[in-house]
Amino acid sequence: MQENKSFKSGFISIIGRPNVGKSTFLNRVIGQKIAIMSDKPQTTRNKIQGVLTREHSQMIFIDTPGIHKPKHKLGEFMIKVSKDTLREVDLIMFMVNAEEELGKGDEFILELLQGTETPVFLIINKIDQIHPDEIIRIIETYKEKLPFAEIIPISALQGNNVENLLETIEKYLPEGPQYYPSDQVTDHPERFIISELIREKVLHLTREEIPHSIAVVIDKIKRDEENDNKIRVQATIMVERDSQKGIVIGKRGALLKEVGTLARKDIEMLLGSKVYLELWVKVQKDWRNKSTFLRDFGYREDEY
């Protein structure tokens, strides 16, 4: 009789500078979009948990906000979320962008990681964008800074070496229970994911100060009374200034309409139903510096 292989489980923090590919990695391993992606820095604001259940393991990945110098209360909240996860996990993935030189942001993270007893993996992402010979130089640069448990180059976008990374993570995880059902991919409610999908579209379609000045609040989600196969979603996009409201709405409402069209497609995939999406834009001056609004818009420390 063959002995059953023990089940392993654990929590893995993904930490790194903004725009190194943390959300891209998370969405790839989970197999669907739960973290929003954008080429704008500081896209992730909350702690996004993605659950990957395999035959003999369950990995709970925590995609943290990119480490950066905070300029307002929202920024301070984001940094605190990132730091706090380091004390709560079984393994830390420090992800760097192969295309960028080691910078002040990386140095700051390396300083945070000094003395930690938790295993730290160095993940060199975006290797599809550089010459293979460059990888050795990058490894040597970082090896001098910290005694990493493992150094693994990957391409989260292309999937290169991702399976090897997952198998290596499995080896480091302790034996433990299955925390979540096998078909659950995140611990966040649908409301949160829907608000993030809408915010992603605004990030994609706007520039300059707009991306960092918006929050999305879901006002209502309910089944259509006349058509049970259709879900009505009402949401408000919050901005900080009147001029930003005009930009988000666009000429004759064109930009807001495009946000709605793109977001609706993703929300329909998430919910598996037809969606009727209504969007409004509202001004809430300087909300990123006001604790009350941060809590109201979902940035609550007590949830983490």
C-alpha atoms as a PDB file:
ATOM      1  CA  MET A   1       0.000   0.000   0.000  1.00  0.00           C
ATOM      2  CA  GLN A   2       1.470   3.345  -1.045  1.00  0.00           C
ATOM      3  CA  GLU A   3       1.884   5.918   1.692  1.00  0.00           C
ATOM      4  CA  ASN A   4       0.028   9.202   1.130  1.00  0.00           C
ATOM      5  CA  LYS A   5       2.264  12.203   0.571  1.00  0.00           C
ATOM      6  CA  SER A   6       1.874  14.760   3.378  1.00  0.00           C
ATOM      7  CA  PHE A   7      -0.072  17.951   2.652  1.00  0.00           C
ATOM      8  CA  LYS A   8       1.761  21.250   2.886  1.00  0.00           C
ATOM      9  CA  SER A   9       0.350  24.746   3.196  1.00  0.00           C
ATOM     10  CA  GLY A  10       1.574  28.230   3.918  1.00  0.00           C
ATOM     11  CA  PHE A  11       1.488  31.947   3.275  1.00  0.00           C
ATOM     12  CA  ILE A  12       3.871  33.597   0.797  1.00  0.00           C
ATOM     13  CA  SER A  13       4.398  37.352   0.630  1.00  0.00           C
ATOM     14  CA  ILE A  14       5.302  38.886  -2.745  1.00  0.00           C
ATOM     15  CA  ILE A  15       7.222  42.089  -2.096  1.00  0.00           C
ATOM     16  CA  GLY A  16       9.061  44.448  -4.428  1.00  0.00           C
ATOM     17  CA  ARG A  17       9.260  47.892  -5.958  1.00  0.00           C
ATOM     18  CA  PRO A  18       6.251  49.177  -7.925  1.00  0.00           C
ATOM     19  CA  ASN A  19       5.752  47.692 -11.383  1.00  0.00           C
ATOM     20  CA  VAL A  20       8.050  44.636 -11.061  1.00  0.00           C
ATOM     21  CA  GLY A  21       5.250  42.248 -12.064  1.00  0.00           C
ATOM     22  CA  LYS A  22       3.813  41.042  -8.749  1.00  0.00           C
ATOM     23  CA  SER A  23       0.193  41.178  -9.904  1.00  0.00           C
ATOM     24  CA  THR A  24       1.060  39.598 -13.257  1.00  0.00           C
ATOM     25  CA  PHE A  25       2.670  36.679 -11.409  1.00  0.00           C
ATOM     26  CA  LEU A  26      -0.289  36.280  -9.060  1.00  0.00           C
ATOM     27  CA  ASN A  27      -2.848  36.266 -11.884  1.00  0.00           C
ATOM     28  CA  ARG A  28      -0.773  33.706 -13.812  1.00  0.00           C
ATOM     29  CA  VAL A  29      -0.463  31.170 -10.995  1.00  0.00           C
ATOM     30  CA  ILE A  30      -4.087  31.574  -9.881  1.00  0.00           C
ATOM     31  CA  GLY A  31      -5.313  31.257 -13.475  1.00  0.00           C
ATOM     32  CA  GLN A  32      -7.646  34.250 -13.476  1.00  0.00           C
ATOM     33  CA  LYS A  33      -7.583  37.971 -12.806  1.00  0.00           C
ATOM     34  CA  ILE A  34      -7.836  38.813  -9.106  1.00  0.00           C
ATOM     35  CA  ALA A  35      -5.143  41.516  -8.993  1.00  0.00           C
ATOM     36  CA  ILE A  36      -5.322  44.486 -11.337  1.00  0.00           C
ATOM     37  CA  MET A  37      -2.473  45.170 -13.724  1.00  0.00           C
ATOM     38  CA  SER A  38      -1.236  48.506 -15.012  1.00  0.00           C
ATOM     39  CA  ASP A  39       2.008  50.059 -16.205  1.00  0.00           C
ATOM     40  CA  LYS A  40       1.422  52.829 -13.641  1.00  0.00           C
ATOM     41  CA  PRO A  41       3.353  52.508 -10.347  1.00  0.00           C
ATOM     42  CA  GLN A  42       1.551  51.836  -7.046  1.00  0.00           C
ATOM     43  CA  THR A  43      -1.377  50.070  -8.730  1.00  0.00           C
ATOM     44  CA  THR A  44      -1.946  47.612  -5.865  1.00  0.00           C
ATOM     45  CA  ARG A  45      -3.187  49.393  -2.731  1.00  0.00           C
ATOM     46  CA  ASN A  46      -4.471  46.607  -0.512  1.00  0.00           C
ATOM     47  CA  LYS A  47      -3.177  43.162   0.348  1.00  0.00           C
ATOM     48  CA  ILE A  48      -4.505  40.795  -2.326  1.00  0.00           C
ATOM     49  CA  GLN A  49      -4.616  37.129  -1.314  1.00  0.00           C
ATOM     50  CA  GLY A  50      -4.552  34.515  -4.072  1.00  0.00           C
ATOM     51  CA  VAL A  51      -5.054  30.858  -3.256  1.00  0.00           C
ATOM     52  CA  LEU A  52      -3.410  28.098  -5.310  1.00  0.00           C
ATOM     53  CA  THR A  53      -4.443  24.562  -4.360  1.00  0.00           C
ATOM     54  CA  ARG A  54      -2.448  21.669  -5.827  1.00  0.00           C
ATOM     55  CA  GLU A  55      -2.552  17.931  -5.207  1.00  0.00           C
ATOM     56  CA  HIS A  56      -0.264  18.028  -2.170  1.00  0.00           C
ATOM     57  CA  SER A  57      -0.192  21.693  -1.208  1.00  0.00           C
ATOM     58  CA  GLN A  58      -2.038  24.963  -0.803  1.00  0.00           C
ATOM     59  CA  MET A  59      -0.137  28.203  -1.338  1.00  0.00           C
ATOM     60  CA  ILE A  60      -1.690  31.478  -0.201  1.00  0.00           C
ATOM     61  CA  PHE A  61       0.073  34.308  -2.035  1.00  0.00           C
ATOM     62  CA  ILE A  62      -0.121  37.851  -0.712  1.00  0.00           C
ATOM     63  CA  ASP A  63       0.490  40.522  -3.355  1.00  0.00           C
ATOM     64  CA  THR A  64       1.508  43.643  -1.464  1.00  0.00           C
ATOM     65  CA  PRO A  65       1.591  47.297  -2.579  1.00  0.00           C
ATOM     66  CA  GLY A  66       4.900  48.268  -4.194  1.00  0.00           C
ATOM     67  CA  ILE A  67       7.373  49.758  -1.726  1.00  0.00           C
ATOM     68  CA  HIS A  68       7.744  53.492  -2.317  1.00  0.00           C
ATOM     69  CA  LYS A  69       8.250  56.703  -0.370  1.00  0.00           C
ATOM     70  CA  PRO A  70       4.776  57.722   0.907  1.00  0.00           C
ATOM     71  CA  LYS A  71       3.456  61.194   0.071  1.00  0.00           C
ATOM     72  CA  HIS A  72       0.075  60.998   1.837  1.00  0.00           C
ATOM     73  CA  LYS A  73      -1.914  58.886   4.336  1.00  0.00           C
ATOM     74  CA  LEU A  74      -2.903  56.413   1.613  1.00  0.00           C
ATOM     75  CA  GLY A  75       0.794  55.910   0.802  1.00  0.00           C
ATOM     76  CA  GLU A  76       1.585  55.365   4.493  1.00  0.00           C
ATOM     77  CA  PHE A  77      -1.207  52.783   4.676  1.00  0.00           C
ATOM     78  CA  MET A  78       0.206  50.947   1.637  1.00  0.00           C
ATOM     79  CA  ILE A  79       3.719  50.765   3.117  1.00  0.00           C
ATOM     80  CA  LYS A  80       2.386  49.557   6.474  1.00  0.00           C
ATOM     81  CA  VAL A  81       0.450  46.767   4.726  1.00  0.00           C
ATOM     82  CA  SER A  82       3.626  45.631   2.940  1.00  0.00           C
ATOM     83  CA  LYS A  83       5.755  45.672   6.096  1.00  0.00           C
ATOM     84  CA  ASP A  84       3.162  43.889   8.231  1.00  0.00           C
ATOM     85  CA  THR A  85       2.920  40.914   5.876  1.00  0.00           C
ATOM     86  CA  LEU A  86       6.614  40.126   6.384  1.00  0.00           C
ATOM     87  CA  ARG A  87       5.886  39.087   9.981  1.00  0.00           C
ATOM     88  CA  GLU A  88       2.936  36.875   9.091  1.00  0.00           C
ATOM     89  CA  VAL A  89       4.230  34.566   6.370  1.00  0.00           C
ATOM     90  CA  ASP A  90       6.114  31.301   5.879  1.00  0.00           C
ATOM     91  CA  LEU A  91       8.114  32.518   2.889  1.00  0.00           C
ATOM     92  CA  ILE A  92       8.986  35.865   1.275  1.00  0.00           C
ATOM     93  CA  MET A  93       9.342  36.364  -2.483  1.00  0.00           C
ATOM     94  CA  PHE A  94      11.407  39.498  -3.147  1.00  0.00           C
ATOM     95  CA  MET A  95      10.683  40.263  -6.796  1.00  0.00           C
ATOM     96  CA  VAL A  96      12.913  42.500  -8.912  1.00  0.00           C
ATOM     97  CA  ASN A  97      12.666  43.670 -12.510  1.00  0.00           C
ATOM     98  CA  ALA A  98      15.507  42.247 -14.643  1.00  0.00           C
ATOM     99  CA  GLU A  99      15.362  45.357 -16.847  1.00  0.00           C
ATOM    100  CA  GLU A 100      16.111  47.765 -13.965  1.00  0.00           C
ATOM    101  CA  GLU A 101      19.321  48.250 -12.002  1.00  0.00           C
ATOM    102  CA  LEU A 102      19.315  47.787  -8.235  1.00  0.00           C
ATOM    103  CA  GLY A 103      17.956  51.086  -6.910  1.00  0.00           C
ATOM    104  CA  LYS A 104      17.073  52.882  -3.693  1.00  0.00           C
ATOM    105  CA  GLY A 105      13.711  51.107  -3.482  1.00  0.00           C
ATOM    106  CA  ASP A 106      15.433  47.709  -3.655  1.00  0.00           C
ATOM    107  CA  GLU A 107      17.986  48.806  -1.045  1.00  0.00           C
ATOM    108  CA  PHE A 108      15.142  49.852   1.258  1.00  0.00           C
ATOM    109  CA  ILE A 109      13.465  46.439   0.912  1.00  0.00           C
ATOM    110  CA  LEU A 110      16.765  44.599   1.455  1.00  0.00           C
ATOM    111  CA  GLU A 111      17.181  46.617   4.651  1.00  0.00           C
ATOM    112  CA  LEU A 112      13.690  45.516   5.780  1.00  0.00           C
ATOM    113  CA  LEU A 113      14.634  41.899   5.118  1.00  0.00           C
ATOM    114  CA  GLN A 114      17.904  41.979   7.078  1.00  0.00           C
ATOM    115  CA  GLY A 115      17.808  39.591  10.032  1.00  0.00           C
ATOM    116  CA  THR A 116      14.501  37.943   9.111  1.00  0.00           C
ATOM    117  CA  GLU A 117      14.348  34.247   9.939  1.00  0.00           C
ATOM    118  CA  THR A 118      11.724  33.655   7.222  1.00  0.00           C
ATOM    119  CA  PRO A 119      13.208  32.134   4.014  1.00  0.00           C
ATOM    120  CA  VAL A 120      13.602  34.820   1.326  1.00  0.00           C
ATOM    121  CA  PHE A 121      13.557  33.944  -2.387  1.00  0.00           C
ATOM    122  CA  LEU A 122      15.009  36.421  -4.885  1.00  0.00           C
ATOM    123  CA  ILE A 123      12.723  36.323  -7.937  1.00  0.00           C
ATOM    124  CA  ILE A 124      14.226  37.986 -11.006  1.00  0.00           C
ATOM    125  CA  ASN A 125      11.206  38.726 -13.201  1.00  0.00           C
ATOM    126  CA  LYS A 126      10.936  39.815 -16.866  1.00  0.00           C
ATOM    127  CA  ILE A 127      13.883  37.667 -18.017  1.00  0.00           C
ATOM    128  CA  ASP A 128      12.182  37.490 -21.433  1.00  0.00           C
ATOM    129  CA  GLN A 129      13.156  41.166 -21.868  1.00  0.00           C
ATOM    130  CA  ILE A 130      16.942  40.765 -21.399  1.00  0.00           C
ATOM    131  CA  HIS A 131      19.856  38.766 -22.842  1.00  0.00           C
ATOM    132  CA  PRO A 132      20.416  35.497 -20.884  1.00  0.00           C
ATOM    133  CA  ASP A 133      24.020  36.528 -20.072  1.00  0.00           C
ATOM    134  CA  GLU A 134      22.670  39.463 -18.042  1.00  0.00           C
ATOM    135  CA  ILE A 135      20.999  37.143 -15.525  1.00  0.00           C
ATOM    136  CA  ILE A 136      24.320  36.030 -13.992  1.00  0.00           C
ATOM    137  CA  ARG A 137      25.372  39.649 -13.434  1.00  0.00           C
ATOM    138  CA  ILE A 138      22.053  40.458 -11.732  1.00  0.00           C
ATOM    139  CA  ILE A 139      22.358  37.397  -9.480  1.00  0.00           C
ATOM    140  CA  GLU A 140      25.882  38.375  -8.418  1.00  0.00           C
ATOM    141  CA  THR A 141      24.749  41.939  -7.617  1.00  0.00           C
ATOM    142  CA  TYR A 142      21.973  40.797  -5.275  1.00  0.00           C
ATOM    143  CA  LYS A 143      23.854  37.841  -3.739  1.00  0.00           C
ATOM    144  CA  GLU A 144      26.205  40.303  -2.055  1.00  0.00           C
ATOM    145  CA  LYS A 145      23.290  42.013  -0.319  1.00  0.00           C
ATOM    146  CA  LEU A 146      21.441  39.134   1.408  1.00  0.00           C
ATOM    147  CA  PRO A 147      21.798  35.349   1.937  1.00  0.00           C
ATOM    148  CA  PHE A 148      18.788  34.319  -0.180  1.00  0.00           C
ATOM    149  CA  ALA A 149      17.345  30.841   0.351  1.00  0.00           C
ATOM    150  CA  GLU A 150      16.792  30.549  -3.422  1.00  0.00           C
ATOM    151  CA  ILE A 151      17.397  32.718  -6.490  1.00  0.00           C
ATOM    152  CA  ILE A 152      14.984  31.983  -9.346  1.00  0.00           C
ATOM    153  CA  PRO A 153      14.739  33.905 -12.652  1.00  0.00           C
ATOM    154  CA  ILE A 154      11.246  33.879 -14.235  1.00  0.00           C
ATOM    155  CA  SER A 155       8.982  35.572 -16.742  1.00  0.00           C
ATOM    156  CA  ALA A 156       5.577  35.980 -15.104  1.00  0.00           C
ATOM    157  CA  LEU A 157       4.151  37.219 -18.402  1.00  0.00           C
ATOM    158  CA  GLN A 158       5.423  34.323 -20.534  1.00  0.00           C
ATOM    159  CA  GLY A 159       5.337  31.700 -17.765  1.00  0.00           C
ATOM    160  CA  ASN A 160       9.051  30.838 -18.088  1.00  0.00           C
ATOM    161  CA  ASN A 161      10.336  28.882 -15.053  1.00  0.00           C
ATOM    162  CA  VAL A 162       7.150  29.599 -13.041  1.00  0.00           C
ATOM    163  CA  GLU A 163       6.395  25.888 -12.513  1.00  0.00           C
ATOM    164  CA  ASN A 164       9.936  25.356 -11.187  1.00  0.00           C
ATOM    165  CA  LEU A 165       9.366  28.244  -8.752  1.00  0.00           C
ATOM    166  CA  LEU A 166       6.097  26.711  -7.496  1.00  0.00           C
ATOM    167  CA  GLU A 167       7.742  23.305  -6.967  1.00  0.00           C
ATOM    168  CA  THR A 168      10.565  24.961  -5.034  1.00  0.00           C
ATOM    169  CA  ILE A 169       8.102  26.892  -2.851  1.00  0.00           C
ATOM    170  CA  GLU A 170       6.335  23.590  -2.060  1.00  0.00           C
ATOM    171  CA  LYS A 171       9.577  22.164  -0.654  1.00  0.00           C
ATOM    172  CA  TYR A 172       9.894  25.054   1.802  1.00  0.00           C
ATOM    173  CA  LEU A 173       6.313  25.048   3.087  1.00  0.00           C
ATOM    174  CA  PRO A 174       5.506  23.365   6.412  1.00  0.00           C
ATOM    175  CA  GLU A 175       3.043  20.509   6.701  1.00  0.00           C
ATOM    176  CA  GLY A 176      -0.339  22.052   7.383  1.00  0.00           C
ATOM    177  CA  PRO A 177      -4.080  22.103   6.753  1.00  0.00           C
ATOM    178  CA  GLN A 178      -5.985  23.123   3.654  1.00  0.00           C
ATOM    179  CA  TYR A 179      -7.123  26.605   4.700  1.00  0.00           C
ATOM    180  CA  TYR A 180      -9.506  27.225   1.786  1.00  0.00           C
ATOM    181  CA  PRO A 181     -11.741  25.036  -0.435  1.00  0.00           C
ATOM    182  CA  SER A 182      -9.957  23.747  -3.565  1.00  0.00           C
ATOM    183  CA  ASP A 183     -12.010  25.919  -5.927  1.00  0.00           C
ATOM    184  CA  GLN A 184     -11.491  29.193  -4.003  1.00  0.00           C
ATOM    185  CA  VAL A 185      -8.921  31.515  -5.595  1.00  0.00           C
ATOM    186  CA  THR A 186      -9.083  34.564  -3.319  1.00  0.00           C
ATOM    187  CA  ASP A 187     -10.270  35.548   0.148  1.00  0.00           C
ATOM    188  CA  HIS A 188     -11.582  38.901  -1.053  1.00  0.00           C
ATOM    189  CA  PRO A 189     -15.330  39.388  -1.588  1.00  0.00           C
ATOM    190  CA  GLU A 190     -16.694  39.915  -5.116  1.00  0.00           C
ATOM    191  CA  ARG A 191     -17.414  43.552  -4.224  1.00  0.00           C
ATOM    192  CA  PHE A 192     -13.683  44.238  -3.737  1.00  0.00           C
ATOM    193  CA  ILE A 193     -12.628  42.497  -6.971  1.00  0.00           C
ATOM    194  CA  ILE A 194     -15.310  44.362  -8.974  1.00  0.00           C
ATOM    195  CA  SER A 195     -14.164  47.734  -7.613  1.00  0.00           C
ATOM    196  CA  GLU A 196     -10.562  46.857  -8.551  1.00  0.00           C
ATOM    197  CA  LEU A 197     -11.553  45.842 -12.087  1.00  0.00           C
ATOM    198  CA  ILE A 198     -13.264  49.210 -12.596  1.00  0.00           C
ATOM    199  CA  ARG A 199     -10.269  51.065 -11.130  1.00  0.00           C
ATOM    200  CA  GLU A 200      -7.951  49.170 -13.489  1.00  0.00           C
ATOM    201  CA  LYS A 201      -9.826  50.506 -16.523  1.00  0.00           C
ATOM    202  CA  VAL A 202      -9.570  54.093 -15.287  1.00  0.00           C
ATOM    203  CA  LEU A 203      -5.822  53.582 -14.728  1.00  0.00           C
ATOM    204  CA  HIS A 204      -5.491  52.235 -18.246  1.00  0.00           C
ATOM    205  CA  LEU A 205      -7.356  55.106 -19.914  1.00  0.00           C
ATOM    206  CA  THR A 206      -6.018  58.106 -17.962  1.00  0.00           C
ATOM    207  CA  ARG A 207      -2.606  59.603 -17.236  1.00  0.00           C
ATOM    208  CA  GLU A 208      -0.645  62.013 -15.032  1.00  0.00           C
ATOM    209  CA  GLU A 209      -2.198  62.553 -11.597  1.00  0.00           C
ATOM    210  CA  ILE A 210      -5.560  60.874 -12.292  1.00  0.00           C
ATOM    211  CA  PRO A 211      -4.597  57.219 -11.623  1.00  0.00           C
ATOM    212  CA  HIS A 212      -3.448  57.898  -8.057  1.00  0.00           C
ATOM    213  CA  SER A 213      -6.377  60.174  -7.216  1.00  0.00           C
ATOM    214  CA  ILE A 214      -9.207  57.694  -7.760  1.00  0.00           C
ATOM    215  CA  ALA A 215     -11.033  55.197  -5.609  1.00  0.00           C
ATOM    216  CA  VAL A 216     -13.989  53.062  -6.633  1.00  0.00           C
ATOM    217  CA  VAL A 217     -16.900  52.438  -4.272  1.00  0.00           C
ATOM    218  CA  ILE A 218     -19.468  49.738  -5.094  1.00  0.00           C
ATOM    219  CA  ASP A 219     -22.879  51.140  -4.165  1.00  0.00           C
ATOM    220  CA  LYS A 220     -25.051  48.161  -5.065  1.00  0.00           C
ATOM    221  CA  ILE A 221     -24.907  44.654  -6.562  1.00  0.00           C
ATOM    222  CA  LYS A 222     -28.241  42.931  -7.148  1.00  0.00           C
ATOM    223  CA  ARG A 223     -29.982  40.506  -9.490  1.00  0.00           C
ATOM    224  CA  ASP A 224     -32.227  42.112 -12.097  1.00  0.00           C
ATOM    225  CA  GLU A 225     -35.850  41.750 -10.982  1.00  0.00           C
ATOM    226  CA  GLU A 226     -37.050  41.059 -14.516  1.00  0.00           C
ATOM    227  CA  ASN A 227     -34.121  38.900 -15.660  1.00  0.00           C
ATOM    228  CA  ASP A 228     -32.534  36.571 -13.084  1.00  0.00           C
ATOM    229  CA  ASN A 229     -29.611  35.959 -15.446  1.00  0.00           C
ATOM    230  CA  LYS A 230     -28.550  39.612 -15.285  1.00  0.00           C
ATOM    231  CA  ILE A 231     -26.793  41.422 -12.437  1.00  0.00           C
ATOM    232  CA  ARG A 232     -26.995  45.174 -11.851  1.00  0.00           C
ATOM    233  CA  VAL A 233     -23.829  46.823 -10.506  1.00  0.00           C
ATOM    234  CA  GLN A 234     -23.817  50.458  -9.419  1.00  0.00           C
ATOM    235  CA  ALA A 235     -20.460  52.068  -8.627  1.00  0.00           C
ATOM    236  CA  THR A 236     -19.015  55.510  -7.926  1.00  0.00           C
ATOM    237  CA  ILE A 237     -15.563  56.605  -9.063  1.00  0.00           C
ATOM    238  CA  MET A 238     -14.187  59.054  -6.484  1.00  0.00           C
ATOM    239  CA  VAL A 239     -11.726  61.785  -7.524  1.00  0.00           C
ATOM    240  CA  GLU A 240     -10.105  64.647  -5.599  1.00  0.00           C
ATOM    241  CA  ARG A 241     -10.776  67.643  -7.854  1.00  0.00           C
ATOM    242  CA  ASP A 242     -13.453  68.971 -10.217  1.00  0.00           C
ATOM    243  CA  SER A 243     -10.961  69.032 -13.095  1.00  0.00           C
ATOM    244  CA  GLN A 244     -10.304  65.295 -12.554  1.00  0.00           C
ATOM    245  CA  LYS A 245     -14.034  64.586 -12.682  1.00  0.00           C
ATOM    246  CA  GLY A 246     -14.193  66.171 -16.131  1.00  0.00           C
ATOM    247  CA  ILE A 247     -11.264  64.083 -17.352  1.00  0.00           C
ATOM    248  CA  VAL A 248     -12.722  60.790 -16.064  1.00  0.00           C
ATOM    249  CA  ILE A 249     -16.122  61.526 -17.643  1.00  0.00           C
ATOM    250  CA  GLY A 250     -14.498  62.643 -20.913  1.00  0.00           C
ATOM    251  CA  LYS A 251     -15.936  64.576 -23.822  1.00  0.00           C
ATOM    252  CA  ARG A 252     -19.690  63.852 -23.971  1.00  0.00           C
ATOM    253  CA  GLY A 253     -19.132  61.023 -21.485  1.00  0.00           C
ATOM    254  CA  ALA A 254     -16.895  59.071 -23.893  1.00  0.00           C
ATOM    255  CA  LEU A 255     -14.159  58.038 -21.449  1.00  0.00           C
ATOM    256  CA  LEU A 256     -16.573  56.948 -18.714  1.00  0.00           C
ATOM    257  CA  LYS A 257     -18.504  54.921 -21.288  1.00  0.00           C
ATOM    258  CA  GLU A 258     -15.297  53.167 -22.377  1.00  0.00           C
ATOM    259  CA  VAL A 259     -14.387  52.427 -18.732  1.00  0.00           C
ATOM    260  CA  GLY A 260     -17.843  50.879 -18.307  1.00  0.00           C
ATOM    261  CA  THR A 261     -17.614  48.777 -21.476  1.00  0.00           C
ATOM    262  CA  LEU A 262     -14.174  47.339 -20.607  1.00  0.00           C
ATOM    263  CA  ALA A 263     -14.967  46.772 -16.934  1.00  0.00           C
ATOM    264  CA  ARG A 264     -18.301  45.094 -17.706  1.00  0.00           C
ATOM    265  CA  LYS A 265     -16.550  42.389 -19.769  1.00  0.00           C
ATOM    266  CA  ASP A 266     -14.217  41.497 -16.897  1.00  0.00           C
ATOM    267  CA  ILE A 267     -17.025  41.589 -14.326  1.00  0.00           C
ATOM    268  CA  GLU A 268     -19.137  39.257 -16.497  1.00  0.00           C
ATOM    269  CA  MET A 269     -16.229  36.796 -16.611  1.00  0.00           C
ATOM    270  CA  LEU A 270     -15.874  37.035 -12.827  1.00  0.00           C
ATOM    271  CA  LEU A 271     -19.580  36.572 -12.045  1.00  0.00           C
ATOM    272  CA  GLY A 272     -20.516  34.266 -14.921  1.00  0.00           C
ATOM    273  CA  SER A 273     -23.616  36.376 -15.678  1.00  0.00           C
ATOM    274  CA  LYS A 274     -24.682  39.261 -17.874  1.00  0.00           C
ATOM    275  CA  VAL A 275     -23.942  42.557 -16.130  1.00  0.00           C
ATOM    276  CA  TYR A 276     -25.608  45.965 -16.354  1.00  0.00           C
ATOM    277  CA  LEU A 277     -23.016  48.433 -15.039  1.00  0.00           C
ATOM    278  CA  GLU A 278     -23.883  51.987 -13.966  1.00  0.00           C
ATOM    279  CA  LEU A 279     -21.022  54.369 -13.164  1.00  0.00           C
ATOM    280  CA  TRP A 280     -20.983  57.804 -11.533  1.00  0.00           C
ATOM    281  CA  VAL A 281     -18.098  60.173 -10.796  1.00  0.00           C
ATOM    282  CA  LYS A 282     -17.975  62.143  -7.541  1.00  0.00           C
ATOM    283  CA  VAL A 283     -15.485  64.672  -6.115  1.00  0.00           C
ATOM    284  CA  GLN A 284     -14.202  64.103  -2.560  1.00  0.00           C
ATOM    285  CA  LYS A 285     -11.470  66.669  -2.008  1.00  0.00           C
ATOM    286  CA  ASP A 286      -8.097  65.380  -0.741  1.00  0.00           C
ATOM    287  CA  TRP A 287      -9.556  61.964   0.262  1.00  0.00           C
ATOM    288  CA  ARG A 288      -6.110  60.283   0.274  1.00  0.00           C
ATOM    289  CA  ASN A 289      -5.120  62.342   3.336  1.00  0.00           C
ATOM    290  CA  LYS A 290      -8.289  61.788   5.370  1.00  0.00           C
ATOM    291  CA  SER A 291      -8.516  58.690   7.556  1.00  0.00           C
ATOM    292  CA  THR A 292     -12.330  58.657   7.500  1.00  0.00           C
ATOM    293  CA  PHE A 293     -12.475  58.461   3.714  1.00  0.00           C
ATOM    294  CA  LEU A 294      -9.665  55.884   3.577  1.00  0.00           C
ATOM    295  CA  ARG A 295     -11.731  53.632   5.849  1.00  0.00           C
ATOM    296  CA  ASP A 296     -14.931  54.319   3.896  1.00  0.00           C
ATOM    297  CA  PHE A 297     -13.213  53.454   0.621  1.00  0.00           C
ATOM    298  CA  GLY A 298     -11.950  50.110   1.920  1.00  0.00           C
ATOM    299  CA  TYR A 299      -8.465  50.849   3.207  1.00  0.00           C
ATOM    300  CA  ARG A 300      -8.958  49.413   6.684  1.00  0.00           C
ATOM    301  CA  GLU A 301      -5.995  48.180   8.678  1.00  0.00           C
ATOM    302  CA  ASP A 302      -8.216  46.054  10.928  1.00  0.00           C
ATOM    303  CA  GLU A 303      -9.154  43.849   7.958  1.00  0.00           C
ATOM    304  CA  TYR A 304      -5.595  42.653   7.674  1.00  0.00           C
END
